[in-house]
């Protein structure tokens, strides 16, 4: 099962941090395939699943000899899955890195909140962090046997694009078996993300409010989010809405896109848009899995899909673009602008089939936005992020 991070993790282990390979930390939402990725990439490694209770007392003890006794003599690689569940995961990782020579340590986890609060400081200067998302389009096509080389397109663009309607319905989370009901799987995934992580972290007791918020956001993808209006509908205050949105970002369910503002006084520069990392999760929240061509939300659904693909590929291929949208008070708009530093590099206007592009952005920044449609998105994504690999 090919994943772009496979090679990045292995490359990370070849680096030299004071005579040792750095700790590799793989994090991301639940069920994105972190465990499968690591087991496939390092089949001989000692693999510990903390959520199953494996070796927790020995690891929490921080006793070097006890930890050394866990590691297989057949491999120098130690993988600790859901490591953030340990008492002091960062300090445990530091002990292994500093006191057990010859061991390559790989950690994986699902909670950015816990990883940030409990681990990142102790591992400072010792770790490389890799984020795993739901599948990209190219990973999915490779896994389905439709694209032999996920780094370079073959002359199959129309055939590949024909897979889009299914993706817009069910998203790109890895499904363990073709016999699993996709709709039910996504519904269970939402519940497990909310209940398992939020309740475990003891942040919020009433997960119903969080789910109601997610449903409201699911109906507002691609739109500027009005926190005051949402607060009024949910019967909570505005600051709580903002706090919950930040929490949902850290659980890798949604992400925000800020506006780009540089030259014009009439450019809007404050309000964020919210998108879902996976359109299948978004559809499950509102209970709509109908064929895209009969849906009223097709344009926004496609926009969310393209922007989430840009988010994933931008990270995997290290392009280091800041993804923004652009809008003026008079209604001119560009869906996504790739910014580096404070300068726009390129831009996309996203339409499912066809549409016009405002000339205002091009006249202002001397950059002509590309029109991304269901017919050309494969080649444009490849050209923008992958072709130089």
Protein backbone atom coordinates (compact mmCIF):
# COMPACT_ATOMS: atom_id res chain seq x y z
CA UNK A 1 0.00 0.00 0.00
CA UNK A 2 1.85 3.08 -1.27
CA UNK A 3 1.91 6.28 0.80
CA UNK A 4 4.02 9.33 0.02
CA UNK A 5 5.25 9.48 3.62
CA UNK A 6 6.81 6.01 3.35
CA UNK A 7 9.92 7.38 1.67
CA UNK A 8 10.07 10.55 3.78
CA UNK A 9 10.21 8.53 7.00
CA UNK A 10 12.95 6.27 5.64
CA UNK A 11 14.87 9.31 4.40
CA UNK A 12 14.53 10.84 7.86
CA UNK A 13 16.21 7.82 9.41
CA UNK A 14 19.28 8.38 7.23
CA UNK A 15 19.89 11.83 8.70
CA UNK A 16 22.49 12.33 11.39
CA UNK A 17 21.58 14.01 14.67
CA UNK A 18 24.80 13.79 16.64
CA UNK A 19 25.63 10.32 15.39
CA UNK A 20 22.06 9.02 15.62
CA UNK A 21 19.04 9.10 13.34
CA UNK A 22 16.39 11.52 14.61
CA UNK A 23 13.17 10.31 16.20
CA UNK A 24 10.48 10.06 13.52
CA UNK A 25 7.03 11.18 14.70
CA UNK A 26 4.05 10.29 12.48
CA UNK A 27 0.80 11.95 13.49
CA UNK A 28 -2.64 12.57 12.04
CA UNK A 29 -6.31 11.72 12.33
CA UNK A 30 -7.53 8.31 13.39
CA UNK A 31 -7.82 5.66 10.65
CA UNK A 32 -5.68 7.49 8.14
CA UNK A 33 -3.43 4.43 8.03
CA UNK A 34 -0.52 5.31 10.35
CA UNK A 35 -0.19 1.79 11.77
CA UNK A 36 -0.51 0.14 8.35
CA UNK A 37 2.06 2.52 6.87
CA UNK A 38 4.62 1.79 9.57
CA UNK A 39 4.07 -1.97 9.60
CA UNK A 40 4.48 -2.12 5.81
CA UNK A 41 7.54 0.14 5.79
CA UNK A 42 9.28 -1.65 8.69
CA UNK A 43 8.03 -5.25 8.82
CA UNK A 44 10.94 -6.41 11.03
CA UNK A 45 10.59 -3.65 13.61
CA UNK A 46 9.54 -4.11 17.22
CA UNK A 47 5.98 -2.77 17.19
CA UNK A 48 4.23 -1.65 20.38
CA UNK A 49 0.57 -0.53 20.48
CA UNK A 50 0.08 1.52 23.64
CA UNK A 51 -3.72 1.52 23.27
CA UNK A 52 -3.63 -2.28 23.64
CA UNK A 53 -1.68 -1.95 26.87
CA UNK A 54 1.57 -3.38 25.52
CA UNK A 55 4.63 -2.78 27.73
CA UNK A 56 3.14 0.33 29.35
CA UNK A 57 4.69 -0.26 32.83
CA UNK A 58 8.14 -0.88 31.32
CA UNK A 59 7.97 2.22 29.12
CA UNK A 60 6.54 4.45 31.86
CA UNK A 61 9.31 3.32 34.21
CA UNK A 62 11.89 4.96 31.93
CA UNK A 63 14.19 2.14 33.00
CA UNK A 64 16.77 1.75 30.23
CA UNK A 65 17.32 -1.98 30.80
CA UNK A 66 13.59 -2.77 30.84
CA UNK A 67 13.07 -0.84 27.61
CA UNK A 68 16.12 -2.45 26.03
CA UNK A 69 14.60 -5.84 26.84
CA UNK A 70 11.49 -5.00 24.80
CA UNK A 71 13.38 -4.38 21.56
CA UNK A 72 13.73 -7.32 19.21
CA UNK A 73 17.23 -8.59 18.55
CA UNK A 74 16.25 -8.94 14.87
CA UNK A 75 15.72 -5.23 14.25
CA UNK A 76 17.17 -1.92 15.36
CA UNK A 77 13.84 -0.13 14.79
CA UNK A 78 11.35 0.45 17.60
CA UNK A 79 7.83 1.68 16.72
CA UNK A 80 5.54 2.93 19.51
CA UNK A 81 1.98 3.48 18.28
CA UNK A 82 -0.31 5.98 20.08
CA UNK A 83 2.70 6.96 22.18
CA UNK A 84 0.96 10.05 23.53
CA UNK A 85 -1.05 7.76 25.84
CA UNK A 86 2.08 7.14 27.93
CA UNK A 87 2.55 9.09 31.17
CA UNK A 88 5.39 11.28 29.88
CA UNK A 89 5.88 10.30 26.22
CA UNK A 90 8.39 13.01 25.38
CA UNK A 91 10.66 12.11 28.27
CA UNK A 92 10.42 8.38 27.47
CA UNK A 93 11.42 9.11 23.86
CA UNK A 94 14.32 11.23 25.12
CA UNK A 95 15.55 8.39 27.34
CA UNK A 96 15.50 5.93 24.42
CA UNK A 97 17.21 8.39 22.09
CA UNK A 98 19.91 9.41 24.59
CA UNK A 99 20.64 6.11 26.34
CA UNK A 100 19.95 3.21 23.96
CA UNK A 101 22.42 3.45 21.09
CA UNK A 102 21.75 1.83 17.74
CA UNK A 103 17.97 2.11 18.01
CA UNK A 104 15.90 3.97 15.43
CA UNK A 105 12.78 5.25 17.20
CA UNK A 106 9.50 5.87 15.36
CA UNK A 107 6.46 7.22 17.21
CA UNK A 108 2.89 7.61 15.97
CA UNK A 109 -0.12 9.35 17.47
CA UNK A 110 -3.59 10.66 16.73
CA UNK A 111 -3.91 13.65 19.03
CA UNK A 112 -2.08 16.85 18.13
CA UNK A 113 -3.20 18.27 21.47
CA UNK A 114 -1.47 15.59 23.51
CA UNK A 115 1.57 15.41 21.24
CA UNK A 116 2.02 19.16 21.57
CA UNK A 117 1.33 19.33 25.31
CA UNK A 118 3.09 16.17 26.46
CA UNK A 119 5.85 15.36 24.01
CA UNK A 120 7.17 18.01 21.65
CA UNK A 121 9.14 20.04 24.20
CA UNK A 122 11.06 17.05 25.60
CA UNK A 123 11.95 15.89 22.09
CA UNK A 124 13.11 19.30 20.93
CA UNK A 125 16.04 18.99 18.54
CA UNK A 126 15.72 15.22 18.38
CA UNK A 127 12.64 14.65 16.22
CA UNK A 128 11.27 15.05 12.72
CA UNK A 129 7.48 15.35 12.51
CA UNK A 130 5.49 13.85 9.61
CA UNK A 131 1.76 14.37 9.22
CA UNK A 132 -0.37 11.66 7.60
CA UNK A 133 -3.62 12.69 5.93
CA UNK A 134 -6.38 10.65 4.33
CA UNK A 135 -5.27 9.31 0.95
CA UNK A 136 -4.40 11.71 -1.82
CA UNK A 137 -6.04 11.14 -5.19
CA UNK A 138 -2.76 9.79 -6.58
CA UNK A 139 -2.23 7.39 -3.69
CA UNK A 140 -5.76 6.09 -4.11
CA UNK A 141 -5.33 5.57 -7.86
CA UNK A 142 -2.06 3.72 -7.26
CA UNK A 143 -3.63 1.47 -4.63
CA UNK A 144 -6.53 0.72 -7.00
CA UNK A 145 -4.10 -0.27 -9.76
CA UNK A 146 -5.03 2.64 -12.05
CA UNK A 147 -1.73 4.52 -11.74
CA UNK A 148 1.50 2.53 -11.75
CA UNK A 149 3.75 5.42 -10.77
CA UNK A 150 2.14 7.82 -8.26
CA UNK A 151 4.87 10.38 -8.89
CA UNK A 152 4.30 10.67 -12.62
CA UNK A 153 1.10 10.57 -14.63
CA UNK A 154 0.62 8.14 -17.43
CA UNK A 155 -1.71 9.09 -20.34
CA UNK A 156 -4.70 8.10 -18.24
CA UNK A 157 -6.10 11.45 -17.17
CA UNK A 158 -9.66 10.90 -18.39
CA UNK A 159 -9.77 7.41 -16.92
CA UNK A 160 -8.45 8.72 -13.61
CA UNK A 161 -10.87 11.66 -13.55
CA UNK A 162 -13.74 9.19 -13.96
CA UNK A 163 -13.08 8.09 -10.37
CA UNK A 164 -13.99 11.55 -9.07
CA UNK A 165 -17.75 11.03 -8.46
CA UNK A 166 -17.05 8.14 -6.08
CA UNK A 167 -14.45 10.20 -4.22
CA UNK A 168 -16.83 13.15 -3.88
CA UNK A 169 -19.35 10.80 -2.25
CA UNK A 170 -17.15 8.78 0.11
CA UNK A 171 -13.90 10.70 0.39
CA UNK A 172 -10.42 9.24 0.67
CA UNK A 173 -10.11 7.58 4.04
CA UNK A 174 -8.49 4.16 3.61
CA UNK A 175 -11.27 1.56 3.82
CA UNK A 176 -9.98 -1.74 5.31
CA UNK A 177 -12.09 -3.97 3.03
CA UNK A 178 -14.17 -3.65 -0.13
CA UNK A 179 -16.93 -5.49 1.72
CA UNK A 180 -17.36 -2.74 4.32
CA UNK A 181 -20.35 -0.41 4.02
CA UNK A 182 -18.66 2.94 3.32
CA UNK A 183 -21.44 5.08 4.70
CA UNK A 184 -21.57 3.18 7.97
CA UNK A 185 -17.78 3.18 8.21
CA UNK A 186 -17.63 6.98 7.93
CA UNK A 187 -20.40 7.44 10.49
CA UNK A 188 -18.56 5.22 12.97
CA UNK A 189 -15.31 7.06 12.24
CA UNK A 190 -16.90 10.37 13.23
CA UNK A 191 -18.23 8.95 16.48
CA UNK A 192 -14.89 7.37 17.38
CA UNK A 193 -13.00 10.59 16.65
CA UNK A 194 -15.32 12.61 18.83
CA UNK A 195 -15.91 10.25 21.72
CA UNK A 196 -12.53 8.52 21.90
CA UNK A 197 -10.36 11.62 21.66
CA UNK A 198 -12.48 14.38 23.18
CA UNK A 199 -13.72 12.33 26.14
CA UNK A 200 -10.30 10.78 26.71
CA UNK A 201 -8.75 14.23 26.85
CA UNK A 202 -11.46 15.28 29.31
CA UNK A 203 -11.86 18.58 27.47
CA UNK A 204 -15.60 18.60 26.81
CA UNK A 205 -18.28 16.51 28.46
CA UNK A 206 -21.08 17.26 26.02
CA UNK A 207 -19.98 15.93 22.63
CA UNK A 208 -23.45 16.60 21.22
CA UNK A 209 -22.65 20.33 21.01
CA UNK A 210 -19.44 19.54 19.11
CA UNK A 211 -21.28 17.31 16.67
CA UNK A 212 -24.00 19.93 16.15
CA UNK A 213 -21.24 22.46 15.44
CA UNK A 214 -19.65 20.09 12.91
CA UNK A 215 -22.97 19.65 11.14
CA UNK A 216 -23.42 23.42 10.86
CA UNK A 217 -19.88 23.75 9.50
CA UNK A 218 -20.53 20.93 7.03
CA UNK A 219 -23.33 22.99 5.51
CA UNK A 220 -21.02 26.04 5.26
CA UNK A 221 -17.94 24.68 3.48
CA UNK A 222 -16.36 27.28 1.25
CA UNK A 223 -18.15 30.09 3.04
CA UNK A 224 -16.83 32.66 5.48
CA UNK A 225 -17.78 31.37 8.92
CA UNK A 226 -19.74 33.65 11.21
CA UNK A 227 -18.97 32.51 14.76
CA UNK A 228 -21.55 34.85 16.30
CA UNK A 229 -24.32 33.39 14.15
CA UNK A 230 -23.25 29.82 14.96
CA UNK A 231 -23.09 30.64 18.68
CA UNK A 232 -26.64 31.95 18.57
CA UNK A 233 -27.92 28.82 16.83
CA UNK A 234 -26.16 26.48 19.27
CA UNK A 235 -27.02 28.48 22.39
CA UNK A 236 -23.38 28.99 23.41
CA UNK A 237 -21.12 32.03 23.42
CA UNK A 238 -18.91 33.12 20.54
CA UNK A 239 -15.64 32.41 22.35
CA UNK A 240 -16.76 28.82 22.95
CA UNK A 241 -17.45 28.39 19.23
CA UNK A 242 -13.95 29.65 18.44
CA UNK A 243 -12.45 27.30 21.04
CA UNK A 244 -14.36 24.31 19.65
CA UNK A 245 -13.31 25.12 16.08
CA UNK A 246 -9.68 25.21 17.22
CA UNK A 247 -10.18 21.85 18.93
CA UNK A 248 -11.66 20.30 15.79
CA UNK A 249 -8.64 21.54 13.83
CA UNK A 250 -6.33 19.79 16.29
CA UNK A 251 -8.34 16.60 15.85
CA UNK A 252 -7.68 16.86 12.09
CA UNK A 253 -11.36 17.00 11.10
CA UNK A 254 -11.43 20.55 9.71
CA UNK A 255 -8.93 23.19 8.66
CA UNK A 256 -9.16 26.92 8.10
CA UNK A 257 -8.07 29.03 5.15
CA UNK A 258 -7.32 32.66 5.85
CA UNK A 259 -7.74 35.52 3.39
CA UNK A 260 -4.85 36.94 1.41
CA UNK A 261 -4.45 40.68 1.62
CA UNK A 262 -1.56 42.68 0.25
CA UNK A 263 -2.15 45.63 -2.04
CA UNK A 264 -5.75 46.79 -2.17
CA UNK A 265 -7.74 48.59 0.50
CA UNK A 266 -10.88 46.81 -0.63
CA UNK A 267 -9.42 43.34 -0.01
CA UNK A 268 -11.12 41.45 2.80
CA UNK A 269 -8.53 40.54 5.40
CA UNK A 270 -10.10 39.03 8.51
CA UNK A 271 -12.62 36.19 8.15
CA UNK A 272 -11.58 32.55 7.70
CA UNK A 273 -13.19 29.85 5.62
CA UNK A 274 -13.50 26.32 6.95
CA UNK A 275 -13.08 23.10 5.01
CA UNK A 276 -13.04 19.41 5.89
CA UNK A 277 -9.93 17.32 5.40
CA UNK A 278 -12.17 14.65 3.89
CA UNK A 279 -15.38 15.19 1.94
CA UNK A 280 -16.63 11.72 2.91
CA UNK A 281 -16.62 12.76 6.58
CA UNK A 282 -18.41 15.95 5.62
CA UNK A 283 -21.10 14.01 3.74
CA UNK A 284 -21.55 11.59 6.64
CA UNK A 285 -22.21 14.48 9.02
CA UNK A 286 -25.13 15.74 6.94
CA UNK A 287 -26.27 12.28 5.82
CA UNK A 288 -25.91 12.99 2.11
CA UNK A 289 -24.20 10.38 -0.06
CA UNK A 290 -26.15 10.93 -3.26
CA UNK A 291 -24.43 11.00 -6.67
CA UNK A 292 -22.65 14.34 -7.14
CA UNK A 293 -24.36 15.18 -10.44
CA UNK A 294 -27.75 15.49 -8.75
CA UNK A 295 -26.60 17.46 -5.73
CA UNK A 296 -27.16 21.15 -5.14
CA UNK A 297 -23.88 21.39 -3.23
CA UNK A 298 -21.72 19.91 -6.01
CA UNK A 299 -19.71 23.10 -6.60
CA UNK A 300 -18.82 23.56 -2.93
CA UNK A 301 -18.12 19.84 -2.53
CA UNK A 302 -15.66 19.92 -5.43
CA UNK A 303 -14.05 23.09 -4.08
CA UNK A 304 -13.54 21.46 -0.67
CA UNK A 305 -12.07 18.38 -2.35
CA UNK A 306 -9.55 20.32 -4.45
CA UNK A 307 -8.44 22.54 -1.58
CA UNK A 308 -7.96 19.53 0.72
CA UNK A 309 -5.87 17.84 -2.01
CA UNK A 310 -3.76 21.01 -2.24
CA UNK A 311 -3.30 20.96 1.53
CA UNK A 312 -2.09 17.34 1.52
CA UNK A 313 0.20 17.57 -1.51
CA UNK A 314 1.66 20.89 -0.38
CA UNK A 315 2.77 19.26 2.86
CA UNK A 316 3.97 15.94 1.41
CA UNK A 317 6.09 17.56 -1.28
CA UNK A 318 7.45 20.35 0.90
CA UNK A 319 6.27 23.19 -1.34
CA UNK A 320 5.82 25.43 1.73
CA UNK A 321 2.99 27.45 0.24
CA UNK A 322 0.66 29.26 2.56
CA UNK A 323 -2.85 28.51 1.21
CA UNK A 324 -5.16 31.54 1.22
CA UNK A 325 -8.33 32.71 -0.48
CA UNK A 326 -8.78 36.18 -1.97
CA UNK A 327 -11.85 38.39 -2.04
CA UNK A 328 -12.68 42.07 -2.38
CA UNK A 329 -15.54 43.95 -0.81
CA UNK A 330 -17.02 44.32 -4.30
CA UNK A 331 -17.33 40.57 -4.88
CA UNK A 332 -14.23 39.66 -6.89
CA UNK A 333 -12.87 36.36 -5.57
CA UNK A 334 -10.23 33.66 -6.14
CA UNK A 335 -10.74 30.34 -4.35
CA UNK A 336 -7.14 29.56 -3.47
CA UNK A 337 -3.92 31.58 -3.65
CA UNK A 338 -0.51 30.00 -3.05
CA UNK A 339 1.56 32.44 -1.03
CA UNK A 340 5.22 32.24 -0.07
CA UNK A 341 6.36 34.89 2.35
CA UNK A 342 4.00 37.72 1.52
CA UNK A 343 4.03 37.17 -2.21
CA UNK A 344 1.41 35.29 -4.25
CA UNK A 345 3.00 32.59 -6.42
CA UNK A 346 -0.01 31.13 -8.23
CA UNK A 347 -3.78 30.83 -7.83
CA UNK A 348 -6.71 28.55 -8.64
CA UNK A 349 -10.35 29.29 -9.34
CA UNK A 350 -12.32 26.08 -8.81
CA UNK A 351 -15.42 25.18 -10.85
CA UNK A 352 -16.79 21.68 -11.31
CA UNK A 353 -17.32 22.09 -15.06
CA UNK A 354 -16.60 25.56 -16.35
CA UNK A 355 -16.80 29.20 -15.37
CA UNK A 356 -15.23 32.60 -15.69
CA UNK A 357 -12.35 34.02 -13.67
CA UNK A 358 -12.28 37.58 -12.40
CA UNK A 359 -9.56 39.65 -14.05
CA UNK A 360 -9.09 41.82 -10.96
CA UNK A 361 -6.57 39.52 -9.27
CA UNK A 362 -4.48 39.16 -12.44
CA UNK A 363 -4.52 42.92 -13.01
CA UNK A 364 -3.44 43.54 -9.42
CA UNK A 365 -0.73 40.90 -9.01
CA UNK A 366 0.27 40.04 -12.61
CA UNK A 367 -0.60 36.40 -11.94
CA UNK A 368 -3.29 34.73 -14.03
CA UNK A 369 -5.27 32.21 -11.94
CA UNK A 370 -5.80 28.72 -13.41
CA UNK A 371 -9.30 27.34 -13.76
CA UNK A 372 -9.50 23.92 -12.10
CA UNK A 373 -12.36 21.68 -13.21
CA UNK A 374 -13.39 18.04 -12.97
CA UNK A 375 -11.83 17.53 -16.40
CA UNK A 376 -8.36 18.95 -15.73
CA UNK A 377 -7.77 18.69 -11.97
CA UNK A 378 -5.55 15.59 -12.30
CA UNK A 379 -2.94 17.27 -14.51
CA UNK A 380 -3.07 20.60 -12.65
CA UNK A 381 -2.48 19.00 -9.24
CA UNK A 382 0.31 16.90 -10.68
CA UNK A 383 1.98 19.87 -12.40
CA UNK A 384 1.67 22.08 -9.31
CA UNK A 385 2.99 19.69 -6.69
CA UNK A 386 4.48 16.48 -8.09
CA UNK A 387 6.10 16.89 -11.51
CA UNK A 388 9.45 18.18 -10.22
CA UNK A 389 10.01 15.06 -8.12
